[in-house]
Amino acid sequence: MKRLGPVLTLIAGAAMAVVLGVLSAATAPPTQSVNAQGEPAVPAAEATSEASPEPKPTKTVKPVPAKADYAGRVQGNGGLIAISIRNGKAIGYFCDGKVEAWLKGRAADGRVTLSGPGKASVVADLGGGKAAGTLEFGAKEWDFTAPTVKKPSGLYRASAIVRGAQVRAGWIYLPDGSRVGLTVVDDQPVESEIPEPGENATVDGVEVDPQDVDEFIEGF
C-alpha cells in the first residue's frame, strides 16, 4: 500500500492540471484579427455587404417626340382640340366656335401637361400616334383623343392690329375637312369666316395672315 502513494499523487496532479487548463481557456478574452496597421480587421462577409449595397431599381423614362402635331374631337362637347410639341415645349388650343382656350406647357416622360387662363388645363398621354387625355375648362371636364396630323391640317394662329384694334384668331383643321375657329377683336368674339388652311383671313375688311405652329410657338 505504501508503494501506491506516489502514483496517486501523480494522478491527482495531472487531473488538477487539466482542470486549470479548461478554466484558463474559458476565462481568456476573445481574440481579434488585426490588419497590417494594427487596426481590427473587418470580417469578409461584413466588408462585402458594406462595399456592395443593393442597387435601387431604375425608372424607365417614356419617350416624347421632338416635333409632333395632334388634332381631334373633344368627346361630348362638339369642339376640337389641337396640341403641338417642339423640343419639349407644348401648346394647345381648344375651340367650339363660341369659346376658346389657349394653353401652354411641357411634354416629358410620355405625357403633355398644359395650362391656360381661367384654370383651363390639359393632361394627355402620348403614344401610338395620338394624344389621349382630359380637358378641363369652365368648371367642366371632357375626354379627347387627338391623332397626329400633317399640314395643312393642324393648328394656326393670327395676331394683328386692325384699324387700331387688337385682333387674335385661332383655327383647327382636321384631315376629314372638319374645322373650327374663333376671331377675337379687343377680347370680344366677332363673326369671321374660317379661311382655307394657310390662307389669309379677313377681319373688318383687312386681310390677316395666319401662322402655323413653327412660326409662333417660340413667342407664345
Protein backbone atom coordinates (compact mmCIF):
# COMPACT_ATOMS: atom_id res chain seq x y z
CA MET A 1 0.00 0.00 0.00
CA LYS A 2 2.84 2.38 0.67
CA ARG A 3 4.01 1.95 -2.97
CA LEU A 4 0.67 3.39 -4.33
CA GLY A 5 1.19 6.76 -2.67
CA PRO A 6 3.40 8.34 -5.37
CA VAL A 7 1.13 7.03 -8.16
CA LEU A 8 -1.97 8.58 -6.64
CA THR A 9 -0.10 11.84 -6.20
CA LEU A 10 0.83 11.92 -9.90
CA ILE A 11 -2.76 11.16 -10.98
CA ALA A 12 -4.15 13.91 -8.75
CA GLY A 13 -1.61 16.38 -10.13
CA ALA A 14 -2.48 15.54 -13.74
CA ALA A 15 -6.19 15.96 -13.08
CA MET A 16 -5.62 19.33 -11.45
CA ALA A 17 -3.61 20.50 -14.50
CA VAL A 18 -6.45 19.55 -16.84
CA VAL A 19 -8.99 21.44 -14.72
CA LEU A 20 -6.81 24.56 -14.63
CA GLY A 21 -6.33 24.43 -18.40
CA VAL A 22 -10.07 24.30 -19.04
CA LEU A 23 -10.72 27.22 -16.68
CA SER A 24 -7.98 29.29 -18.32
CA ALA A 25 -9.45 28.73 -21.82
CA ALA A 26 -12.96 29.63 -20.64
CA THR A 27 -11.94 32.88 -18.98
CA ALA A 28 -9.45 34.10 -21.61
CA PRO A 29 -10.60 37.25 -23.57
CA PRO A 30 -11.68 36.67 -27.18
CA THR A 31 -9.03 37.25 -29.82
CA GLN A 32 -9.49 39.63 -32.78
CA SER A 33 -7.65 39.70 -36.09
CA VAL A 34 -5.79 42.88 -36.97
CA ASN A 35 -4.51 44.21 -40.26
CA ALA A 36 -1.01 45.44 -41.12
CA GLN A 37 -1.66 48.79 -39.46
CA GLY A 38 -2.77 47.18 -36.20
CA GLU A 39 -6.42 48.05 -36.79
CA PRO A 40 -9.21 45.49 -36.27
CA ALA A 41 -9.89 43.61 -39.48
CA VAL A 42 -13.48 43.62 -40.80
CA PRO A 43 -14.89 40.12 -41.42
CA ALA A 44 -15.10 39.30 -45.14
CA ALA A 45 -18.92 38.94 -45.07
CA GLU A 46 -19.37 42.35 -43.43
CA ALA A 47 -16.88 44.02 -45.79
CA THR A 48 -18.68 42.64 -48.85
CA SER A 49 -22.05 43.82 -47.52
CA GLU A 50 -20.79 47.36 -46.85
CA ALA A 51 -18.91 47.70 -50.14
CA SER A 52 -21.75 46.40 -52.34
CA PRO A 53 -25.12 47.96 -51.33
CA GLU A 54 -28.17 46.57 -53.04
CA PRO A 55 -28.84 48.60 -56.26
CA LYS A 56 -32.05 50.63 -56.43
CA PRO A 57 -34.46 49.92 -59.29
CA THR A 58 -34.25 52.47 -62.13
CA LYS A 59 -37.31 54.18 -63.62
CA THR A 60 -37.84 53.91 -67.36
CA VAL A 61 -38.49 57.32 -68.94
CA LYS A 62 -41.08 57.22 -71.71
CA PRO A 63 -40.11 58.93 -74.96
CA VAL A 64 -41.60 62.17 -76.30
CA PRO A 65 -41.40 63.19 -79.98
CA ALA A 66 -39.20 66.21 -80.65
CA LYS A 67 -41.81 67.50 -83.11
CA ALA A 68 -45.44 66.44 -83.36
CA ASP A 69 -48.88 67.87 -84.11
CA TYR A 70 -52.15 66.38 -82.86
CA ALA A 71 -55.75 67.37 -83.58
CA GLY A 72 -59.07 65.73 -82.77
CA ARG A 73 -62.54 65.97 -81.29
CA VAL A 74 -63.49 66.63 -77.68
CA GLN A 75 -65.97 63.94 -76.67
CA GLY A 76 -69.44 65.16 -75.66
CA ASN A 77 -68.52 68.78 -76.36
CA GLY A 78 -68.62 69.36 -80.10
CA GLY A 79 -65.38 71.29 -80.10
CA LEU A 80 -61.95 70.46 -81.44
CA ILE A 81 -58.57 70.41 -79.73
CA ALA A 82 -55.07 70.75 -81.16
CA ILE A 83 -51.73 70.09 -79.44
CA SER A 84 -48.27 70.76 -80.84
CA ILE A 85 -44.84 69.83 -79.45
CA ARG A 86 -41.49 71.34 -80.37
CA ASN A 87 -38.42 70.10 -78.45
CA GLY A 88 -40.24 69.65 -75.13
CA LYS A 89 -42.30 72.84 -75.36
CA ALA A 90 -46.01 72.26 -75.93
CA ILE A 91 -49.01 74.44 -76.81
CA GLY A 92 -52.68 73.64 -77.14
CA TYR A 93 -55.87 75.21 -78.43
CA PHE A 94 -59.48 74.29 -77.73
CA CYS A 95 -62.38 75.86 -79.61
CA ASP A 96 -66.04 75.09 -80.23
CA GLY A 97 -66.76 78.20 -82.35
CA LYS A 98 -68.11 80.18 -79.38
CA VAL A 99 -65.41 79.92 -76.73
CA GLU A 100 -61.72 79.16 -76.88
CA ALA A 101 -58.75 78.37 -74.66
CA TRP A 102 -55.06 78.79 -75.48
CA LEU A 103 -52.78 76.68 -73.30
CA LYS A 104 -49.06 76.07 -72.94
CA GLY A 105 -46.76 73.75 -71.01
CA ARG A 106 -44.29 70.93 -71.43
CA ALA A 107 -44.05 67.43 -72.86
CA ALA A 108 -41.97 64.89 -70.94
CA ASP A 109 -41.95 61.22 -69.93
CA GLY A 110 -44.64 60.27 -72.43
CA ARG A 111 -47.09 62.94 -71.31
CA VAL A 112 -48.07 66.52 -72.12
CA THR A 113 -49.29 68.92 -69.42
CA LEU A 114 -50.81 72.30 -70.36
CA SER A 115 -52.49 75.17 -68.56
CA GLY A 116 -54.20 78.40 -69.57
CA PRO A 117 -56.32 81.30 -68.33
CA GLY A 118 -59.50 80.53 -66.40
CA LYS A 119 -58.00 77.37 -64.89
CA ALA A 120 -58.08 75.65 -68.26
CA SER A 121 -55.84 72.59 -68.34
CA VAL A 122 -54.95 69.57 -70.44
CA VAL A 123 -53.23 66.34 -69.41
CA ALA A 124 -52.67 63.77 -72.14
CA ASP A 125 -50.65 60.61 -72.64
CA LEU A 126 -48.62 60.36 -75.84
CA GLY A 127 -48.15 57.16 -77.76
CA GLY A 128 -49.47 55.04 -80.58
CA GLY A 129 -49.64 58.07 -82.87
CA LYS A 130 -52.09 60.03 -80.71
CA ALA A 131 -52.58 62.22 -77.66
CA ALA A 132 -55.33 60.95 -75.37
CA GLY A 133 -56.36 62.68 -72.18
CA THR A 134 -58.62 65.13 -70.42
CA LEU A 135 -59.54 68.77 -70.99
CA GLU A 136 -60.77 70.89 -68.08
CA PHE A 137 -62.38 74.20 -68.99
CA GLY A 138 -65.16 76.32 -67.49
CA ALA A 139 -65.63 74.03 -64.46
CA LYS A 140 -66.30 71.11 -66.82
CA GLU A 141 -64.24 68.16 -67.94
CA TRP A 142 -64.16 66.19 -71.19
CA ASP A 143 -62.08 63.36 -72.61
CA PHE A 144 -60.47 63.56 -76.03
CA THR A 145 -58.35 61.59 -78.46
CA ALA A 146 -56.28 63.55 -80.98
CA PRO A 147 -54.34 61.61 -83.66
CA THR A 148 -51.19 63.01 -85.23
CA VAL A 149 -51.82 65.27 -88.25
CA LYS A 150 -49.76 66.77 -91.05
CA LYS A 151 -50.08 70.09 -92.84
CA PRO A 152 -52.34 71.57 -93.99
CA SER A 153 -54.25 70.03 -91.03
CA GLY A 154 -53.48 71.18 -87.51
CA LEU A 155 -53.30 74.48 -85.67
CA TYR A 156 -52.98 78.06 -86.99
CA ARG A 157 -52.96 81.40 -85.19
CA ALA A 158 -53.10 85.06 -86.19
CA SER A 159 -52.33 88.21 -84.24
CA ALA A 160 -52.54 91.72 -85.69
CA ILE A 161 -53.67 95.31 -85.22
CA VAL A 162 -56.62 96.13 -87.48
CA ARG A 163 -57.93 99.73 -87.54
CA GLY A 164 -56.40 100.30 -84.09
CA ALA A 165 -57.95 97.18 -82.55
CA GLN A 166 -56.10 94.09 -81.30
CA VAL A 167 -57.10 91.04 -83.34
CA ARG A 168 -56.42 87.45 -82.34
CA ALA A 169 -57.68 84.38 -84.13
CA GLY A 170 -57.21 80.62 -83.92
CA TRP A 171 -58.19 77.78 -86.25
CA ILE A 172 -58.06 73.98 -86.10
CA TYR A 173 -58.30 71.83 -89.24
CA LEU A 174 -58.84 68.05 -89.29
CA PRO A 175 -57.87 65.73 -92.16
CA ASP A 176 -61.56 64.91 -92.84
CA GLY A 177 -62.30 68.58 -93.64
CA SER A 178 -63.76 69.50 -90.25
CA ARG A 179 -62.66 72.90 -88.98
CA VAL A 180 -63.39 75.35 -86.21
CA GLY A 181 -62.08 78.77 -85.25
CA LEU A 182 -62.73 81.97 -83.39
CA THR A 183 -61.72 85.57 -84.07
CA VAL A 184 -61.49 88.00 -81.15
CA VAL A 185 -61.23 91.78 -81.51
CA ASP A 186 -60.26 93.62 -78.34
CA ASP A 187 -61.19 90.47 -76.35
CA GLN A 188 -64.67 90.28 -77.91
CA PRO A 189 -65.62 87.43 -80.30
CA VAL A 190 -66.70 88.61 -83.75
CA GLU A 191 -68.20 86.92 -86.79
CA SER A 192 -65.49 85.90 -89.20
CA GLU A 193 -65.32 83.32 -91.95
CA ILE A 194 -62.87 80.47 -91.39
CA PRO A 195 -60.27 80.61 -94.19
CA GLU A 196 -58.88 77.65 -96.05
CA PRO A 197 -55.81 76.17 -94.30
CA GLY A 198 -52.89 78.59 -94.60
CA GLU A 199 -54.86 81.23 -96.50
CA ASN A 200 -55.41 84.77 -95.23
CA ALA A 201 -58.42 85.63 -93.09
CA THR A 202 -60.39 88.85 -93.47
CA VAL A 203 -61.21 90.93 -90.38
CA ASP A 204 -63.12 94.18 -90.79
CA GLY A 205 -62.13 94.27 -94.45
CA VAL A 206 -58.42 93.77 -93.71
CA GLU A 207 -56.53 90.60 -94.53
CA VAL A 208 -54.82 88.87 -91.61
CA ASP A 209 -52.04 86.34 -92.20
CA PRO A 210 -52.36 83.05 -90.23
CA GLN A 211 -49.18 81.48 -88.89
CA ASP A 212 -48.54 77.78 -88.40
CA VAL A 213 -47.07 76.45 -85.18
CA ASP A 214 -43.44 76.66 -86.28
CA GLU A 215 -43.87 80.41 -86.85
CA PHE A 216 -45.38 81.38 -83.50
CA ILE A 217 -44.54 78.77 -80.82
CA GLU A 218 -41.29 80.42 -79.70
CA GLY A 219 -43.04 83.67 -78.86
CA PHE A 220 -46.15 82.08 -77.40
